Protein backbone atom coordinates (compact mmCIF):
# COMPACT_ATOMS: atom_id res chain seq x y z
CA MET A 1 -10.45 17.55 -15.52
CA ASN A 2 -9.15 15.20 -18.22
CA ARG A 3 -6.97 12.14 -17.57
CA ARG A 4 -3.83 14.01 -18.61
CA THR A 5 -4.01 16.58 -15.80
CA PRO A 6 -3.70 14.11 -12.87
CA ALA A 7 -0.88 12.37 -14.75
CA LEU A 8 1.08 15.61 -15.13
CA LEU A 9 0.46 16.48 -11.48
CA ALA A 10 1.74 13.03 -10.49
CA VAL A 11 4.95 13.51 -12.51
CA ILE A 12 5.43 16.99 -11.03
CA GLY A 13 4.80 15.61 -7.54
CA GLY A 14 7.33 12.82 -7.95
CA ASN A 15 10.07 15.16 -9.18
CA THR A 16 9.28 17.67 -6.44
CA ILE A 17 9.86 14.95 -3.84
CA PHE A 18 13.17 14.11 -5.54
CA GLY A 19 14.19 17.77 -5.27
CA PHE A 20 13.96 17.73 -1.47
CA SER A 21 15.79 14.41 -1.24
CA PHE A 22 19.20 16.10 -1.60
CA ILE A 23 18.75 17.78 1.80
CA PHE A 24 18.00 14.50 3.56
CA SER A 25 20.81 12.71 1.71
CA LYS A 26 23.29 15.34 2.90
CA LEU A 27 22.11 14.96 6.50
CA ALA A 28 22.30 11.15 6.41
CA LEU A 29 25.70 11.12 4.67
CA GLN A 30 27.18 13.04 7.60
CA ILE A 31 26.63 9.87 9.63
CA THR A 32 27.47 6.93 7.36
CA LEU A 33 28.89 5.79 4.02
CA PRO A 34 26.96 6.29 0.75
CA SER A 35 26.70 2.52 0.14
CA VAL A 36 25.20 1.98 3.61
CA LEU A 37 22.69 4.80 3.07
CA ILE A 38 21.59 3.50 -0.34
CA ALA A 39 21.24 -0.09 0.89
CA THR A 40 19.23 0.86 3.99
CA ARG A 41 17.07 3.20 1.92
CA PHE A 42 16.19 0.43 -0.53
CA VAL A 43 15.59 -2.22 2.13
CA THR A 44 13.36 0.15 4.13
CA ALA A 45 11.40 1.10 1.01
CA PHE A 46 10.99 -2.56 0.00
CA ALA A 47 9.76 -3.48 3.50
CA LEU A 48 7.17 -0.70 3.29
CA LEU A 49 6.07 -1.85 -0.16
CA ASN A 50 5.53 -5.37 1.20
CA ILE A 51 3.34 -3.99 4.00
CA ILE A 52 1.29 -1.94 1.52
CA ALA A 53 0.98 -4.78 -1.00
CA PHE A 54 0.13 -7.68 1.28
CA ALA A 55 -1.70 -5.93 4.11
CA GLY A 56 -3.66 -3.84 1.60
CA ARG A 57 -4.96 -6.96 -0.12
CA LYS A 58 -6.45 -8.19 3.16
CA ILE A 59 -8.45 -5.01 3.74
CA ARG A 60 -11.77 -5.03 1.93
CA ILE A 61 -13.73 -1.96 0.88
CA ARG A 62 -16.99 -1.46 -0.98
CA ASP A 63 -17.19 0.34 -4.30
CA GLY A 64 -19.98 2.67 -5.42
CA GLN A 65 -22.17 -0.31 -6.34
CA GLY A 66 -21.78 -2.00 -2.98
CA ASN A 67 -19.37 -4.70 -4.21
CA SER A 68 -16.48 -5.73 -1.96
CA ARG A 69 -12.93 -5.47 -3.30
CA PRO A 70 -9.38 -5.32 -1.88
CA LEU A 71 -8.13 -1.91 -0.82
CA VAL A 72 -4.93 -2.55 -2.84
CA ARG A 73 -4.75 -4.44 -6.11
CA PHE A 74 -1.47 -6.35 -6.25
CA SER A 75 -0.57 -9.45 -8.24
CA LEU A 76 2.58 -10.28 -10.21
CA ARG A 77 1.40 -13.73 -11.28
CA GLY A 78 1.08 -14.55 -14.97
CA LYS A 79 2.26 -11.18 -16.29
CA PRO A 80 5.02 -10.57 -18.89
CA LEU A 81 8.42 -10.15 -17.27
CA LYS A 82 10.66 -8.59 -19.94
CA ASP A 83 9.54 -4.96 -19.70
CA ILE A 84 9.23 -4.90 -15.90
CA LEU A 85 12.70 -6.43 -15.47
CA LEU A 86 14.18 -3.93 -17.91
CA LEU A 87 12.43 -1.15 -15.96
CA ALA A 88 14.11 -2.30 -12.74
CA LEU A 89 17.46 -2.74 -14.49
CA PHE A 90 17.54 0.82 -15.83
CA GLN A 91 16.02 2.39 -12.72
CA PRO A 92 17.17 2.08 -10.01
CA ILE A 93 20.12 -0.25 -10.70
CA LEU A 94 22.03 1.19 -13.68
CA TYR A 95 20.96 4.80 -13.19
CA PHE A 96 22.06 4.96 -9.54
CA LEU A 97 25.37 3.23 -10.26
CA CYS A 98 26.20 5.39 -13.29
CA GLU A 99 25.23 8.64 -11.58
CA SER A 100 27.18 7.83 -8.41
CA TYR A 101 30.38 6.74 -10.18
CA GLY A 102 30.08 9.46 -12.83
CA ILE A 103 30.33 12.09 -10.09
CA VAL A 104 33.49 10.38 -8.76
CA TYR A 105 35.30 11.06 -12.06
CA THR A 106 33.82 14.53 -12.73
CA SER A 107 32.63 17.55 -10.79
CA SER A 108 29.06 17.64 -9.50
CA SER A 109 28.28 20.65 -11.72
CA PHE A 110 29.49 18.82 -14.82
CA ALA A 111 27.53 15.71 -13.79
CA GLY A 112 24.38 17.76 -13.25
CA THR A 113 24.72 19.30 -16.69
CA ILE A 114 25.10 15.91 -18.39
CA ILE A 115 22.24 14.33 -16.42
CA ALA A 116 20.04 17.23 -17.57
CA VAL A 117 20.21 15.79 -21.10
CA ILE A 118 17.74 13.04 -20.03
CA PRO A 119 14.74 14.94 -21.53
CA VAL A 120 16.53 15.12 -24.89
CA ALA A 121 17.28 11.38 -24.73
CA GLY A 122 13.64 10.87 -23.76
CA VAL A 123 12.50 12.56 -26.97
CA VAL A 124 14.86 10.35 -29.02
CA PHE A 125 13.67 7.11 -27.40
CA ASP A 126 10.04 8.22 -27.63
CA VAL A 127 10.46 8.36 -31.41
CA ILE A 128 12.66 5.26 -31.85
CA ILE A 129 11.06 2.85 -29.37
CA MET A 130 7.55 4.14 -28.67
CA ARG A 131 6.98 5.41 -32.24
CA SER A 132 5.35 8.54 -30.82
CA PRO A 133 4.89 11.63 -32.98
CA ILE A 134 7.08 14.46 -31.65
CA SER A 135 6.34 18.13 -32.14
CA GLY A 136 8.90 20.88 -32.61
CA LYS A 137 7.70 22.39 -29.34
CA GLN A 138 8.58 19.22 -27.41
CA ILE A 139 12.09 19.18 -28.87
CA ILE A 140 12.63 22.86 -28.05
CA CYS A 141 11.31 22.39 -24.51
CA ALA A 142 13.58 19.39 -23.90
CA VAL A 143 16.66 21.29 -25.11
CA LEU A 144 15.74 24.43 -23.15
CA SER A 145 15.24 22.36 -20.02
CA ALA A 146 18.78 20.99 -20.36
CA VAL A 147 20.12 24.50 -21.05
CA GLY A 148 18.39 25.74 -17.91
CA VAL A 149 20.20 23.17 -15.77
CA ALA A 150 23.51 24.06 -17.44
CA VAL A 151 22.97 27.76 -16.67
CA THR A 152 22.42 27.00 -12.96
CA THR A 153 25.90 25.44 -12.78
CA ILE A 154 27.71 28.53 -14.11
CA GLY A 155 29.82 29.97 -11.33
CA ALA A 156 29.63 26.76 -9.31
CA GLU A 157 32.63 24.52 -8.70
CA GLY A 158 34.96 23.96 -11.65
CA MET A 159 33.55 21.92 -14.49
CA ARG A 160 36.04 19.08 -13.95
CA SER A 161 35.53 16.17 -16.30
CA SER A 162 37.19 13.09 -17.77
CA PHE A 163 36.40 10.83 -20.68
CA LEU A 164 35.61 7.90 -18.36
CA GLY A 165 33.35 10.08 -16.22
CA LEU A 166 31.56 11.39 -19.30
CA MET A 167 30.93 7.84 -20.60
CA ILE A 168 29.57 6.72 -17.23
CA LEU A 169 27.29 9.76 -17.00
CA LEU A 170 26.01 9.13 -20.52
CA GLY A 171 25.10 5.67 -19.23
CA ALA A 172 23.03 7.42 -16.54
CA VAL A 173 21.36 9.58 -19.20
CA VAL A 174 20.41 6.54 -21.28
CA SER A 175 19.21 4.64 -18.21
CA GLY A 176 17.20 7.61 -16.96
CA ALA A 177 15.44 8.04 -20.30
CA LEU A 178 14.80 4.31 -20.72
CA PHE A 179 13.18 4.28 -17.28
CA TYR A 180 10.33 6.38 -18.71
CA VAL A 181 10.11 4.13 -21.77
CA PHE A 182 9.81 0.89 -19.81
CA SER A 183 7.63 2.44 -17.14
CA LYS A 184 5.16 3.20 -19.91
CA LYS A 185 5.56 -0.19 -21.62
CA SER A 186 5.26 -2.26 -18.42
CA GLY A 187 2.38 -0.05 -17.28
CA GLY A 188 0.18 -1.90 -19.77
CA TYR A 189 0.35 -4.98 -17.53
CA TYR A 190 1.38 -3.76 -14.07
CA ASN A 191 -0.13 -1.05 -11.88
CA PRO A 192 2.18 1.61 -10.33
CA LEU A 193 2.50 -0.26 -7.03
CA GLU A 194 3.51 -3.48 -8.77
CA GLN A 195 6.06 -1.64 -10.93
CA THR A 196 7.61 0.08 -7.92
CA TYR A 197 7.63 -3.19 -5.95
CA VAL A 198 9.67 -5.01 -8.61
CA MET A 199 12.04 -2.03 -8.95
CA PHE A 200 12.86 -2.00 -5.26
CA ALA A 201 12.98 -5.77 -4.89
CA MET A 202 15.78 -5.90 -7.47
CA GLY A 203 17.37 -2.70 -6.16
CA SER A 204 17.48 -4.03 -2.60
CA ILE A 205 19.23 -7.23 -3.65
CA VAL A 206 21.84 -5.43 -5.76
CA TYR A 207 22.62 -2.63 -3.30
CA VAL A 208 22.75 -4.80 -0.17
CA ILE A 209 25.29 -7.05 -1.93
CA PHE A 210 27.15 -3.95 -3.13
CA ALA A 211 27.25 -2.45 0.38
CA ALA A 212 28.30 -5.77 1.96
CA VAL A 213 31.21 -6.08 -0.45
CA GLN A 214 32.28 -2.45 -0.13
CA CYS A 215 32.05 -2.55 3.67
CA ARG A 216 34.00 -5.85 3.73
CA GLY A 217 31.45 -7.70 5.83
CA ASP A 218 30.95 -4.77 8.22
CA PHE A 219 27.65 -3.62 6.70
CA LEU A 220 25.34 -4.73 9.52
CA ARG A 221 27.47 -3.05 12.19
CA LEU A 222 27.69 0.20 10.23
CA ALA A 223 23.95 0.15 9.53
CA GLY A 224 23.20 -0.46 13.21
CA GLU A 225 25.42 2.44 14.27
CA ALA A 226 23.76 4.72 11.72
CA PHE A 227 20.26 3.83 12.92
CA SER A 228 21.24 4.83 16.45
CA GLN A 229 21.34 8.43 15.21
CA PRO A 230 17.92 10.21 15.02
CA MET A 231 19.08 12.37 12.09
CA PHE A 232 19.91 9.27 10.04
CA ILE A 233 16.50 7.75 10.79
CA ILE A 234 14.78 10.96 9.62
CA GLY A 235 16.87 10.98 6.44
CA VAL A 236 16.23 7.31 5.62
CA LEU A 237 12.50 7.64 6.28
CA TYR A 238 12.21 10.54 3.86
CA LEU A 239 14.35 8.83 1.23
CA ALA A 240 12.56 5.48 1.59
CA VAL A 241 8.94 6.47 2.21
CA LEU A 242 8.66 9.61 0.09
CA SER A 243 11.61 9.74 -2.33
CA SER A 244 11.38 6.02 -3.13
CA VAL A 245 7.91 4.59 -2.58
CA ALA A 246 5.69 7.65 -3.06
CA ALA A 247 7.76 9.37 -5.78
CA PHE A 248 8.18 6.30 -7.99
CA ILE A 249 4.54 5.28 -7.64
CA LEU A 250 3.61 8.80 -8.78
CA LEU A 251 6.07 8.66 -11.70
CA ASN A 252 4.95 5.19 -12.79
CA TYR A 253 1.32 6.34 -12.62
CA GLY A 254 1.94 9.52 -14.59
CA THR A 255 4.28 8.10 -17.24
CA VAL A 256 1.69 5.60 -18.45
CA ARG A 257 -0.76 8.43 -19.15
CA VAL A 258 1.50 10.96 -20.91
CA THR A 259 4.20 10.55 -23.56
CA VAL A 260 7.76 9.59 -22.65
CA SER A 261 8.93 12.98 -23.95
CA GLU A 262 6.56 14.90 -21.68
CA ALA A 263 7.37 12.83 -18.59
CA SER A 264 11.14 13.11 -19.05
CA ILE A 265 11.07 16.89 -19.50
CA PHE A 266 9.68 17.24 -15.98
CA ALA A 267 12.76 15.47 -14.55
CA ASN A 268 14.72 18.72 -14.54
CA LEU A 269 12.22 20.25 -12.11
CA THR A 270 14.27 18.38 -9.51
CA THR A 271 17.08 20.89 -10.06
CA VAL A 272 14.80 23.86 -9.36
CA ILE A 273 13.37 22.29 -6.22
CA SER A 274 16.79 21.26 -4.89
CA ILE A 275 18.15 24.80 -5.37
CA ALA A 276 15.14 26.34 -3.63
CA ALA A 277 15.30 23.82 -0.78
CA GLY A 278 19.02 24.44 -0.30
CA VAL A 279 18.49 28.21 -0.12
CA VAL A 280 15.53 28.03 2.27
CA PHE A 281 16.57 25.19 4.59
CA LEU A 282 20.37 25.04 4.35
CA HIS A 283 20.91 28.79 3.76
CA GLU A 284 22.97 28.14 0.64
CA SER A 285 23.84 31.01 -1.70
CA PHE A 286 21.56 31.86 -4.61
CA SER A 287 23.20 33.35 -7.69
CA LEU A 288 21.79 35.24 -10.65
CA PHE A 289 22.70 32.29 -12.89
CA GLN A 290 20.71 29.93 -10.70
CA ALA A 291 17.71 32.24 -10.90
CA ALA A 292 18.01 32.48 -14.68
CA GLY A 293 18.46 28.71 -15.07
CA ALA A 294 15.48 27.98 -12.83
CA ALA A 295 13.34 30.39 -14.84
CA ILE A 296 14.32 28.65 -18.10
CA ILE A 297 13.50 25.23 -16.67
CA ILE A 298 10.12 26.33 -15.31
CA ALA A 299 9.23 28.03 -18.59
CA SER A 300 10.18 24.97 -20.66
CA VAL A 301 8.25 22.62 -18.38
CA TYR A 302 5.19 24.89 -18.44
CA ALA A 303 5.30 25.12 -22.23
CA ALA A 304 5.68 21.32 -22.52
CA SER A 305 2.62 20.77 -20.32
CA ARG A 306 0.42 23.10 -22.37
CA ARG A 307 -1.55 21.91 -25.36
CA GLY A 308 -3.36 24.04 -27.85
CA GLU A 309 -7.13 24.18 -27.80
CA PRO A 310 -8.63 21.17 -29.58
CA GLY A 311 -10.39 21.79 -32.85
CA PRO A 312 -14.15 21.42 -33.34
CA GLU A 313 -13.84 17.79 -34.45
CA LYS A 314 -11.82 16.79 -31.42
CA LYS A 315 -14.17 18.62 -29.06
CA ALA A 316 -17.15 16.88 -30.60
CA GLY A 317 -15.41 13.54 -30.22
CA GLU A 318 -14.62 14.24 -26.59
CA GLN A 319 -18.23 15.18 -25.88
CA GLU A 320 -19.47 12.02 -27.54
CA THR A 321 -17.04 9.91 -25.50
CA ALA A 322 -18.07 11.68 -22.31
CA GLY A 323 -21.70 10.96 -23.10
CA GLN A 324 -20.94 7.26 -23.29
């Protein structure tokens, strides 16, 4: 197994977790306000990241050569800040805000269609910022992935839109694509745990302040009432532990090891998983358009993950490297 395979599996795993998050968000939002849910999700995730980071450094294990080392490697000291701060700015801060407010001014089906353009934006930024060579297949797969999401929305609620909503959603598209760019750039200095830690440290500060302002000083009372409900606790635990900590660690791990274009194309797998989860667990309807759209997305993602067989020179080079 080459290094690319675990990276692709990590990206797939992260987006699969995101797909199930819609179920738990729906359950939790029956109990409290969106701002309270987001703030408690981020604070819970950040608390868990602190436990992993600081407790993990105290636990010592032995490697294959008998040397002792910390179970978790975590250190932010002396590392460049620009890329990691931009990572946290674009995701989760700007992306979450733009997506949430974009849906307010448009329909959810229109918002989902616009957000699906992230893979296309990922290809553009991969060329402009990362200077990566892009193949025609990657461009086609990115476009088809977006088309697949658009097809799943046909027959759903009306495609209500507004110019303001469109501009805000395009902000989410740009932020979502730049997340992959700066995850890859900051990954040269920070490991996935460190990247995720900084993301949720900044996210917690911003969204607790946001919730406190929106709730007019009533945030702690509303959060306490929500946590008295078992269903809310289950929802927050999934969203914080899996859909925040685990999913973003997987994405930060995978994005460093594949191109920005490849990583962003997998984002639309979330749509397929969310549709399947809604049908199976919430008994939602499943239309022919949803089936067709899901098939297009899966096909485009599969094609993007496939590479042609390496030529004789590349194979020889790989064997020589393996021998070293």
